[in-house]
């Protein structure tokens, strides 16, 4: 595992973080099937292997980070050899003790080396210190790497929103209680 420094992002980090390749490759998708019957709606997701790898475009414009980072409750940077190579953004819900991880991106050459795990671990510590009872991760249904990360950390599927992103992609939500 590569060693990453995790720290709050600052204004000097933003251009480098915006410039990251935010897309990823995926061999799977969580496919949504809705059944409507009188008096009930059933939503099923099943993991489907795709016939070939697909490039999953990031669902938001990364350039928006320049405006949004100062309005987020948490923006962490993963730094390797003095350079920011990834980031995570989170917001606290106003009416409950829930925080939402809205963005998580790591440079392609630093993926699968522990940066995302380090960012998520630091976020869980941040949440615990602030009395957040539940963390919720949002992700695209095709972002298999992020889905696996959520499962590795013990997050459970807790919902979805069809056509959630500007790209019209389905958002999946994985949540878990914040514990010490």
Protein backbone atom coordinates (compact mmCIF):
# COMPACT_ATOMS: atom_id res chain seq x y z
CA UNK A 1 0.00 0.00 0.00
CA UNK A 2 1.14 3.49 -0.84
CA UNK A 3 1.25 6.02 1.98
CA UNK A 4 -1.06 9.02 1.62
CA UNK A 5 -1.30 12.15 3.71
CA UNK A 6 -4.96 13.01 4.27
CA UNK A 7 -5.62 16.66 5.05
CA UNK A 8 -8.22 19.37 4.44
CA UNK A 9 -8.04 20.61 0.86
CA UNK A 10 -7.01 24.19 0.32
CA UNK A 11 -7.42 26.68 -2.51
CA UNK A 12 -4.03 25.73 -3.97
CA UNK A 13 -5.18 22.10 -4.35
CA UNK A 14 -8.31 22.87 -6.33
CA UNK A 15 -6.80 23.29 -9.85
CA UNK A 16 -4.96 19.96 -9.53
CA UNK A 17 -8.04 18.18 -8.16
CA UNK A 18 -10.25 19.56 -10.92
CA UNK A 19 -7.74 18.34 -13.51
CA UNK A 20 -7.89 14.71 -12.30
CA UNK A 21 -9.37 12.17 -14.67
CA UNK A 22 -12.64 11.59 -12.81
CA UNK A 23 -13.87 8.80 -15.09
CA UNK A 24 -13.45 5.11 -14.33
CA UNK A 25 -13.82 1.77 -16.06
CA UNK A 26 -16.41 -0.77 -14.98
CA UNK A 27 -17.26 -4.34 -15.92
CA UNK A 28 -20.53 -4.34 -13.95
CA UNK A 29 -23.69 -2.33 -13.46
CA UNK A 30 -26.36 -2.54 -10.80
CA UNK A 31 -29.41 -2.88 -13.03
CA UNK A 32 -32.72 -1.54 -11.71
CA UNK A 33 -35.94 -3.45 -12.31
CA UNK A 34 -39.21 -1.85 -11.21
CA UNK A 35 -42.43 -3.84 -10.96
CA UNK A 36 -45.71 -2.04 -10.47
CA UNK A 37 -48.69 -3.98 -9.25
CA UNK A 38 -51.88 -2.82 -7.64
CA UNK A 39 -50.98 -1.46 -4.22
CA UNK A 40 -47.25 -2.04 -4.45
CA UNK A 41 -44.07 -1.20 -6.27
CA UNK A 42 -41.09 -3.52 -6.10
CA UNK A 43 -37.58 -2.32 -6.90
CA UNK A 44 -34.89 -4.92 -7.49
CA UNK A 45 -31.24 -4.39 -8.25
CA UNK A 46 -29.03 -7.06 -9.62
CA UNK A 47 -25.39 -6.90 -10.45
CA UNK A 48 -24.94 -7.56 -14.16
CA UNK A 49 -21.62 -8.23 -15.85
CA UNK A 50 -21.28 -6.10 -18.96
CA UNK A 51 -20.09 -7.65 -22.23
CA UNK A 52 -17.10 -5.30 -22.19
CA UNK A 53 -15.65 -2.66 -19.92
CA UNK A 54 -17.34 0.72 -20.16
CA UNK A 55 -15.99 4.12 -19.31
CA UNK A 56 -18.10 5.70 -16.59
CA UNK A 57 -18.06 9.48 -16.87
CA UNK A 58 -18.14 11.42 -13.62
CA UNK A 59 -21.74 12.53 -13.01
CA UNK A 60 -20.90 16.13 -12.16
CA UNK A 61 -18.74 18.76 -13.79
CA UNK A 62 -15.43 18.62 -11.86
CA UNK A 63 -14.92 22.34 -12.55
CA UNK A 64 -17.80 23.04 -10.15
CA UNK A 65 -15.46 22.02 -7.35
CA UNK A 66 -13.82 25.45 -7.62
CA UNK A 67 -17.08 27.09 -6.50
CA UNK A 68 -18.40 24.36 -4.21
CA UNK A 69 -15.40 23.38 -2.09
CA UNK A 70 -15.78 26.32 0.28
CA UNK A 71 -19.48 25.47 0.83
CA UNK A 72 -18.88 21.81 1.71
CA UNK A 73 -18.65 20.79 5.33
CA UNK A 74 -15.64 18.63 4.51
CA UNK A 75 -13.22 18.51 1.59
CA UNK A 76 -10.26 16.24 2.15
CA UNK A 77 -7.29 15.81 -0.14
CA UNK A 78 -5.18 12.68 -0.46
CA UNK A 79 -1.59 13.80 -1.00
CA UNK A 80 1.25 11.64 -2.31
CA UNK A 81 4.78 12.97 -2.75
CA UNK A 82 3.53 16.49 -2.08
CA UNK A 83 0.85 16.38 -4.81
CA UNK A 84 -2.91 16.07 -4.28
CA UNK A 85 -4.01 12.86 -6.01
CA UNK A 86 -7.59 12.53 -4.79
CA UNK A 87 -10.35 14.13 -2.80
CA UNK A 88 -13.57 13.51 -0.93
CA UNK A 89 -16.42 15.97 -0.29
CA UNK A 90 -19.08 15.61 2.37
CA UNK A 91 -22.03 17.64 3.64
CA UNK A 92 -23.95 17.37 6.88
CA UNK A 93 -27.71 17.14 6.73
CA UNK A 94 -29.39 20.13 8.31
CA UNK A 95 -32.21 18.31 10.07
CA UNK A 96 -30.51 15.11 11.18
CA UNK A 97 -27.21 13.68 12.29
CA UNK A 98 -26.48 12.33 8.81
CA UNK A 99 -23.59 13.29 6.55
CA UNK A 100 -23.48 12.58 2.83
CA UNK A 101 -20.31 11.80 0.91
CA UNK A 102 -21.10 13.45 -2.41
CA UNK A 103 -17.78 13.18 -4.23
CA UNK A 104 -14.84 10.81 -4.17
CA UNK A 105 -12.19 10.89 -6.90
CA UNK A 106 -8.66 9.51 -7.16
CA UNK A 107 -6.15 9.93 -9.99
CA UNK A 108 -6.09 6.79 -12.19
CA UNK A 109 -2.41 6.07 -11.47
CA UNK A 110 -3.12 6.12 -7.72
CA UNK A 111 -6.22 3.91 -7.71
CA UNK A 112 -6.21 0.59 -5.86
CA UNK A 113 -3.34 1.82 -3.68
CA UNK A 114 -5.35 2.90 -0.65
CA UNK A 115 -6.13 6.58 -1.30
CA UNK A 116 -9.91 6.15 -1.33
CA UNK A 117 -9.76 3.93 1.77
CA UNK A 118 -7.66 6.54 3.58
CA UNK A 119 -10.07 9.31 2.58
CA UNK A 120 -13.10 7.32 3.75
CA UNK A 121 -11.40 6.36 7.04
CA UNK A 122 -10.59 10.02 7.74
CA UNK A 123 -14.18 10.98 6.89
CA UNK A 124 -15.54 8.44 9.36
CA UNK A 125 -13.27 9.91 12.07
CA UNK A 126 -14.47 13.44 11.16
CA UNK A 127 -18.10 12.29 11.42
CA UNK A 128 -17.54 10.60 14.77
CA UNK A 129 -15.91 13.76 16.21
CA UNK A 130 -18.95 15.83 15.15
CA UNK A 131 -21.66 13.54 16.46
CA UNK A 132 -22.79 12.37 13.04
CA UNK A 133 -24.73 9.14 13.56
CA UNK A 134 -24.87 7.93 9.97
CA UNK A 135 -22.74 8.35 6.85
CA UNK A 136 -24.30 7.88 3.43
CA UNK A 137 -22.25 7.43 0.26
CA UNK A 138 -23.76 8.30 -3.09
CA UNK A 139 -22.50 6.74 -6.30
CA UNK A 140 -23.45 5.85 -9.85
CA UNK A 141 -24.90 2.39 -10.45
CA UNK A 142 -22.02 1.67 -12.85
CA UNK A 143 -19.21 2.69 -10.49
CA UNK A 144 -18.26 -0.83 -9.43
CA UNK A 145 -15.03 0.24 -7.71
CA UNK A 146 -16.89 2.61 -5.40
CA UNK A 147 -19.63 0.04 -4.73
CA UNK A 148 -16.95 -2.48 -3.71
CA UNK A 149 -15.26 0.11 -1.49
CA UNK A 150 -18.56 0.81 0.27
CA UNK A 151 -19.14 -2.91 0.82
CA UNK A 152 -15.56 -3.40 2.06
CA UNK A 153 -16.17 -0.73 4.71
CA UNK A 154 -19.44 -2.32 5.84
CA UNK A 155 -21.86 0.06 4.17
CA UNK A 156 -25.23 -1.41 3.21
CA UNK A 157 -27.39 -0.52 0.24
CA UNK A 158 -30.04 1.86 1.58
CA UNK A 159 -31.69 3.42 -1.46
CA UNK A 160 -31.54 4.83 -4.93
CA UNK A 161 -32.73 7.76 -6.99
CA UNK A 162 -33.48 7.28 -10.67
CA UNK A 163 -32.15 10.04 -12.97
CA UNK A 164 -30.46 11.68 -9.98
CA UNK A 165 -27.43 13.12 -11.70
CA UNK A 166 -27.31 15.67 -14.54
CA UNK A 167 -26.19 12.70 -16.68
CA UNK A 168 -29.56 11.03 -15.85
CA UNK A 169 -27.71 8.13 -14.20
CA UNK A 170 -29.18 6.21 -11.29
CA UNK A 171 -27.66 7.08 -7.93
CA UNK A 172 -27.17 4.32 -5.38
CA UNK A 173 -26.92 5.11 -1.69
CA UNK A 174 -24.96 3.03 0.80
CA UNK A 175 -25.08 3.90 4.48
CA UNK A 176 -23.82 2.81 7.86
CA UNK A 177 -23.82 3.94 11.44
CA UNK A 178 -20.77 5.90 12.53
CA UNK A 179 -18.98 3.98 15.28
CA UNK A 180 -15.71 4.36 17.11
